[in-house]
N, C-alpha and C. Protein backbone atom coordinates (compact mmCIF):
# COMPACT_ATOMS: atom_id res chain seq x y z
N MET A 1 68.43 -63.95 -43.63
CA MET A 1 67.90 -62.70 -43.98
C MET A 1 66.25 -62.60 -43.72
N LEU A 2 65.63 -63.71 -44.07
CA LEU A 2 64.18 -63.67 -43.72
C LEU A 2 63.86 -63.83 -42.32
N GLY A 3 64.79 -64.42 -41.57
CA GLY A 3 64.61 -64.51 -40.07
C GLY A 3 64.71 -63.10 -39.41
N ARG A 4 65.65 -62.30 -39.84
CA ARG A 4 65.80 -60.99 -39.40
C ARG A 4 64.57 -60.13 -39.75
N LEU A 5 64.08 -60.25 -40.94
CA LEU A 5 62.93 -59.48 -41.34
C LEU A 5 61.68 -59.91 -40.59
N GLY A 6 61.54 -61.11 -40.37
CA GLY A 6 60.44 -61.76 -39.66
C GLY A 6 60.44 -61.23 -38.09
N ALA A 7 61.61 -61.18 -37.56
CA ALA A 7 61.86 -60.66 -36.22
C ALA A 7 61.47 -59.20 -36.17
N PHE A 8 61.97 -58.46 -37.12
CA PHE A 8 61.72 -57.09 -37.18
C PHE A 8 60.24 -56.75 -37.28
N ILE A 9 59.55 -57.44 -38.13
CA ILE A 9 58.10 -57.27 -38.35
C ILE A 9 57.34 -57.70 -37.03
N GLY A 10 57.75 -58.88 -36.52
CA GLY A 10 57.16 -59.32 -35.25
C GLY A 10 57.39 -58.31 -34.10
N GLY A 11 58.48 -57.71 -34.05
CA GLY A 11 58.77 -56.73 -32.96
C GLY A 11 57.94 -55.52 -33.26
N GLY A 12 57.81 -55.05 -34.44
CA GLY A 12 57.01 -53.92 -34.75
C GLY A 12 55.46 -54.14 -34.34
N ILE A 13 54.99 -55.33 -34.67
CA ILE A 13 53.62 -55.67 -34.34
C ILE A 13 53.48 -55.70 -32.82
N LEU A 14 54.39 -56.36 -32.11
CA LEU A 14 54.33 -56.46 -30.66
C LEU A 14 54.42 -55.12 -30.02
N GLY A 15 55.31 -54.21 -30.55
CA GLY A 15 55.41 -52.92 -30.03
C GLY A 15 54.21 -52.03 -30.18
N ALA A 16 53.53 -52.21 -31.38
CA ALA A 16 52.32 -51.50 -31.67
C ALA A 16 51.22 -51.99 -30.72
N GLY A 17 51.12 -53.30 -30.52
CA GLY A 17 50.14 -53.79 -29.60
C GLY A 17 50.30 -53.30 -28.15
N VAL A 18 51.49 -53.30 -27.68
CA VAL A 18 51.90 -52.85 -26.32
C VAL A 18 51.59 -51.32 -26.21
N GLY A 19 51.87 -50.54 -27.32
CA GLY A 19 51.69 -49.21 -27.23
C GLY A 19 50.11 -48.89 -27.19
N ALA A 20 49.36 -49.67 -28.02
CA ALA A 20 47.91 -49.46 -28.02
C ALA A 20 47.28 -49.87 -26.73
N ALA A 21 47.79 -50.96 -26.04
CA ALA A 21 47.28 -51.30 -24.76
C ALA A 21 47.55 -50.27 -23.68
N ILE A 22 48.69 -49.66 -23.72
CA ILE A 22 49.18 -48.60 -22.73
C ILE A 22 48.29 -47.35 -22.99
N ALA A 23 48.08 -47.05 -24.29
CA ALA A 23 47.22 -45.85 -24.52
C ALA A 23 45.84 -46.06 -24.06
N VAL A 24 45.24 -47.24 -24.24
CA VAL A 24 43.87 -47.48 -23.77
C VAL A 24 43.79 -47.39 -22.34
N LEU A 25 44.74 -47.99 -21.59
CA LEU A 25 44.75 -47.93 -20.19
C LEU A 25 45.05 -46.53 -19.61
N ASN A 26 45.72 -45.76 -20.28
CA ASN A 26 46.05 -44.40 -19.70
C ASN A 26 45.22 -43.32 -20.43
N ALA A 27 44.17 -43.70 -21.18
CA ALA A 27 43.44 -42.63 -21.87
C ALA A 27 42.59 -41.89 -20.79
N PRO A 28 42.55 -40.53 -20.98
CA PRO A 28 41.92 -39.68 -19.99
C PRO A 28 40.34 -39.90 -19.90
N GLN A 29 39.72 -40.26 -20.98
CA GLN A 29 38.38 -40.47 -21.00
C GLN A 29 37.91 -41.56 -21.95
N SER A 30 36.82 -42.10 -21.85
CA SER A 30 36.24 -43.15 -22.61
C SER A 30 35.90 -42.53 -24.02
N GLY A 31 35.85 -43.39 -24.97
CA GLY A 31 35.37 -42.95 -26.32
C GLY A 31 34.08 -42.13 -26.34
N ASP A 32 33.20 -42.63 -25.54
CA ASP A 32 31.82 -42.01 -25.48
C ASP A 32 31.98 -40.62 -24.85
N ASP A 33 32.77 -40.48 -23.77
CA ASP A 33 32.96 -39.22 -23.15
C ASP A 33 33.71 -38.24 -24.06
N LEU A 34 34.66 -38.78 -24.86
CA LEU A 34 35.42 -38.07 -25.78
C LEU A 34 34.43 -37.45 -26.89
N ARG A 35 33.62 -38.27 -27.35
CA ARG A 35 32.69 -37.86 -28.42
C ARG A 35 31.73 -36.84 -27.89
N LYS A 36 31.24 -36.97 -26.68
CA LYS A 36 30.43 -35.98 -26.11
C LYS A 36 31.06 -34.69 -25.86
N GLY A 37 32.34 -34.66 -25.48
CA GLY A 37 33.18 -33.50 -25.19
C GLY A 37 33.45 -32.73 -26.58
N VAL A 38 33.76 -33.53 -27.61
CA VAL A 38 33.82 -32.92 -28.93
C VAL A 38 32.67 -32.18 -29.31
N ALA A 39 31.44 -32.92 -29.21
CA ALA A 39 30.17 -32.33 -29.62
C ALA A 39 29.84 -31.05 -28.76
N ARG A 40 30.21 -31.11 -27.57
CA ARG A 40 29.91 -29.97 -26.65
C ARG A 40 30.71 -28.75 -27.15
N ARG A 41 31.99 -29.07 -27.49
CA ARG A 41 32.93 -27.97 -27.93
C ARG A 41 32.46 -27.43 -29.24
N ALA A 42 31.99 -28.33 -30.18
CA ALA A 42 31.48 -27.89 -31.45
C ALA A 42 30.21 -27.05 -31.23
N ASP A 43 29.38 -27.35 -30.31
CA ASP A 43 28.18 -26.50 -30.09
C ASP A 43 28.68 -25.10 -29.52
N LEU A 44 29.63 -25.07 -28.76
CA LEU A 44 30.11 -23.80 -28.23
C LEU A 44 30.59 -22.97 -29.38
N VAL A 45 31.33 -23.55 -30.26
CA VAL A 45 31.87 -22.89 -31.39
C VAL A 45 30.69 -22.34 -32.29
N LYS A 46 29.76 -23.12 -32.53
CA LYS A 46 28.65 -22.68 -33.43
C LYS A 46 27.87 -21.49 -32.68
N MET A 47 27.67 -21.66 -31.40
CA MET A 47 26.99 -20.62 -30.62
C MET A 47 27.83 -19.37 -30.64
N ALA A 48 29.09 -19.35 -30.51
CA ALA A 48 30.00 -18.16 -30.57
C ALA A 48 29.92 -17.61 -31.93
N GLY A 49 29.78 -18.39 -33.02
CA GLY A 49 29.67 -17.83 -34.37
C GLY A 49 28.42 -17.10 -34.52
N VAL A 50 27.35 -17.62 -33.98
CA VAL A 50 26.05 -16.90 -34.19
C VAL A 50 26.07 -15.61 -33.35
N GLU A 51 26.62 -15.66 -32.12
CA GLU A 51 26.69 -14.47 -31.28
C GLU A 51 27.63 -13.45 -32.00
N ALA A 52 28.73 -13.82 -32.54
CA ALA A 52 29.62 -12.84 -33.21
C ALA A 52 28.95 -12.27 -34.44
N GLN A 53 28.22 -13.05 -35.14
CA GLN A 53 27.48 -12.52 -36.38
C GLN A 53 26.46 -11.45 -35.88
N ALA A 54 25.74 -11.73 -34.84
CA ALA A 54 24.73 -10.76 -34.32
C ALA A 54 25.36 -9.47 -33.84
N ARG A 55 26.55 -9.57 -33.16
CA ARG A 55 27.22 -8.45 -32.61
C ARG A 55 27.75 -7.57 -33.78
N THR A 56 28.17 -8.24 -34.86
CA THR A 56 28.64 -7.48 -35.99
C THR A 56 27.64 -6.79 -36.66
N GLU A 57 26.47 -7.48 -36.83
CA GLU A 57 25.25 -6.77 -37.54
C GLU A 57 24.72 -5.67 -36.68
N GLU A 58 24.71 -5.78 -35.39
CA GLU A 58 24.27 -4.81 -34.43
C GLU A 58 25.17 -3.55 -34.56
N GLU A 59 26.50 -3.79 -34.65
CA GLU A 59 27.45 -2.73 -34.77
C GLU A 59 27.32 -1.96 -36.02
N MET A 60 26.97 -2.70 -37.11
CA MET A 60 26.71 -2.12 -38.38
C MET A 60 25.40 -1.22 -38.40
N ILE A 61 24.49 -1.69 -37.62
CA ILE A 61 23.20 -0.87 -37.48
C ILE A 61 23.53 0.41 -36.74
N ARG A 62 24.33 0.25 -35.64
CA ARG A 62 24.65 1.53 -34.84
C ARG A 62 25.53 2.49 -35.71
N HIS A 63 26.39 1.97 -36.44
CA HIS A 63 27.23 2.81 -37.34
C HIS A 63 26.32 3.52 -38.37
N PHE A 64 25.36 2.75 -38.96
CA PHE A 64 24.43 3.38 -39.90
C PHE A 64 23.72 4.53 -39.23
N ARG A 65 23.11 4.30 -38.09
CA ARG A 65 22.43 5.25 -37.36
C ARG A 65 23.20 6.52 -37.06
N ALA A 66 24.45 6.35 -36.77
CA ALA A 66 25.35 7.52 -36.54
C ALA A 66 25.53 8.24 -37.82
N GLN A 67 25.67 7.51 -38.96
CA GLN A 67 25.95 8.21 -40.26
C GLN A 67 24.76 9.12 -40.68
N VAL A 68 23.51 8.48 -40.44
CA VAL A 68 22.27 9.13 -40.91
C VAL A 68 21.75 10.07 -39.82
N ASN A 69 22.34 9.93 -38.62
CA ASN A 69 21.87 10.80 -37.49
C ASN A 69 20.41 10.50 -37.10
N ASP A 70 19.97 9.25 -37.15
CA ASP A 70 18.56 8.78 -36.91
C ASP A 70 18.67 7.64 -35.88
N PRO A 71 18.48 7.88 -34.58
CA PRO A 71 18.50 6.81 -33.61
C PRO A 71 17.53 5.70 -33.79
N ASP A 72 16.48 5.88 -34.57
CA ASP A 72 15.50 4.90 -34.70
C ASP A 72 15.60 4.18 -36.15
N ALA A 73 16.65 4.52 -36.86
CA ALA A 73 16.74 3.87 -38.23
C ALA A 73 17.01 2.35 -38.07
N LEU A 74 16.32 1.62 -38.90
CA LEU A 74 16.47 0.15 -38.91
C LEU A 74 16.06 -0.53 -37.68
N LYS A 75 15.06 0.03 -36.99
CA LYS A 75 14.59 -0.63 -35.68
C LYS A 75 13.99 -1.99 -35.97
N ASP A 76 13.14 -2.04 -37.04
CA ASP A 76 12.58 -3.37 -37.39
C ASP A 76 13.62 -4.43 -37.85
N ASP A 77 14.73 -3.90 -38.55
CA ASP A 77 15.73 -4.82 -38.85
C ASP A 77 16.51 -5.26 -37.63
N GLU A 78 16.68 -4.42 -36.66
CA GLU A 78 17.31 -4.78 -35.46
C GLU A 78 16.56 -5.84 -34.66
N THR A 79 15.17 -5.55 -34.56
CA THR A 79 14.41 -6.61 -33.88
C THR A 79 14.47 -7.96 -34.55
N GLN A 80 14.37 -7.96 -35.90
CA GLN A 80 14.45 -9.22 -36.75
C GLN A 80 15.67 -9.88 -36.51
N LEU A 81 16.81 -9.13 -36.42
CA LEU A 81 18.20 -9.63 -36.23
C LEU A 81 18.26 -10.39 -34.87
N ARG A 82 17.68 -9.87 -33.77
CA ARG A 82 17.71 -10.48 -32.42
C ARG A 82 16.85 -11.74 -32.59
N VAL A 83 15.66 -11.68 -33.14
CA VAL A 83 14.85 -12.96 -33.28
C VAL A 83 15.63 -14.08 -34.06
N GLU A 84 16.16 -13.73 -35.08
CA GLU A 84 16.89 -14.71 -35.91
C GLU A 84 18.07 -15.29 -35.09
N ALA A 85 18.83 -14.43 -34.40
CA ALA A 85 19.96 -14.91 -33.54
C ALA A 85 19.44 -15.89 -32.54
N ALA A 86 18.33 -15.52 -31.80
CA ALA A 86 17.77 -16.47 -30.86
C ALA A 86 17.32 -17.75 -31.41
N ARG A 87 16.72 -17.72 -32.58
CA ARG A 87 16.27 -18.94 -33.32
C ARG A 87 17.44 -19.86 -33.65
N SER A 88 18.52 -19.20 -34.20
CA SER A 88 19.72 -19.90 -34.53
C SER A 88 20.33 -20.65 -33.34
N ILE A 89 20.38 -20.01 -32.21
CA ILE A 89 20.90 -20.61 -30.94
C ILE A 89 19.94 -21.80 -30.61
N ALA A 90 18.66 -21.50 -30.69
CA ALA A 90 17.73 -22.67 -30.35
C ALA A 90 17.76 -23.80 -31.31
N ASP A 91 18.01 -23.49 -32.53
CA ASP A 91 18.22 -24.59 -33.57
C ASP A 91 19.37 -25.42 -33.35
N LEU A 92 20.43 -24.91 -32.59
CA LEU A 92 21.52 -25.66 -32.23
C LEU A 92 21.16 -26.80 -31.22
N GLY A 93 20.02 -26.54 -30.61
CA GLY A 93 19.63 -27.59 -29.68
C GLY A 93 20.41 -27.63 -28.37
N ILE A 94 20.78 -26.46 -27.90
CA ILE A 94 21.65 -26.51 -26.72
C ILE A 94 21.15 -25.48 -25.79
N ASN A 95 21.36 -25.74 -24.54
CA ASN A 95 21.05 -24.73 -23.41
C ASN A 95 22.38 -24.33 -22.87
N ALA A 96 22.64 -22.98 -22.84
CA ALA A 96 23.88 -22.49 -22.28
C ALA A 96 23.63 -21.77 -20.95
N THR A 97 24.18 -22.37 -19.86
CA THR A 97 24.00 -21.74 -18.64
C THR A 97 25.26 -21.82 -17.83
N ALA A 98 25.66 -20.74 -17.22
CA ALA A 98 26.91 -20.70 -16.42
C ALA A 98 28.10 -21.28 -17.14
N GLY A 99 28.20 -20.96 -18.44
CA GLY A 99 29.34 -21.38 -19.19
C GLY A 99 29.42 -22.88 -19.59
N GLN A 100 28.38 -23.53 -19.24
CA GLN A 100 28.23 -24.92 -19.62
C GLN A 100 27.20 -25.21 -20.82
N VAL A 101 27.44 -26.18 -21.63
CA VAL A 101 26.54 -26.46 -22.71
C VAL A 101 26.08 -27.79 -22.60
N THR A 102 24.75 -28.02 -22.55
CA THR A 102 24.23 -29.39 -22.54
C THR A 102 23.21 -29.52 -23.68
N ARG A 103 23.16 -30.64 -24.33
CA ARG A 103 22.29 -30.89 -25.42
C ARG A 103 20.86 -31.04 -24.85
N THR A 104 19.90 -30.50 -25.55
CA THR A 104 18.52 -30.76 -25.17
C THR A 104 18.02 -32.15 -25.65
N SER A 105 17.00 -32.64 -25.02
CA SER A 105 16.59 -34.01 -25.38
C SER A 105 16.10 -34.15 -26.80
N SER A 106 15.82 -33.09 -27.49
CA SER A 106 15.32 -33.23 -28.94
C SER A 106 16.42 -33.39 -29.87
N HIS A 107 17.69 -33.07 -29.37
CA HIS A 107 18.85 -33.16 -30.30
C HIS A 107 19.90 -34.07 -29.71
N ALA A 108 19.57 -34.78 -28.57
CA ALA A 108 20.62 -35.62 -28.00
C ALA A 108 20.93 -36.79 -28.90
N GLY A 109 22.12 -37.19 -28.95
CA GLY A 109 22.54 -38.24 -29.84
C GLY A 109 23.44 -39.25 -29.29
């Protein structure tokens, strides 16, 4: 009985080792590349959130202007909104150009 249990456990350990070796050899990217890719995607998500918030707030300002029939209503708030959105994107420490995101040197990790 113990021999069968030992063989079963040994086979499981051997199978796990072979599976791990195959996974490492067939992995599409190294661990460092994977971490950089995940960080890049996280930056894209953060930037998309900031942009979505800015668009929503701008839409609310346009809606308010239409309700009060004043095209200049909340001009200062709109300017402040744009400045804050730009700062938020800058605080992320990323440069977005041509659909690519790269970390700036001040936030590289």
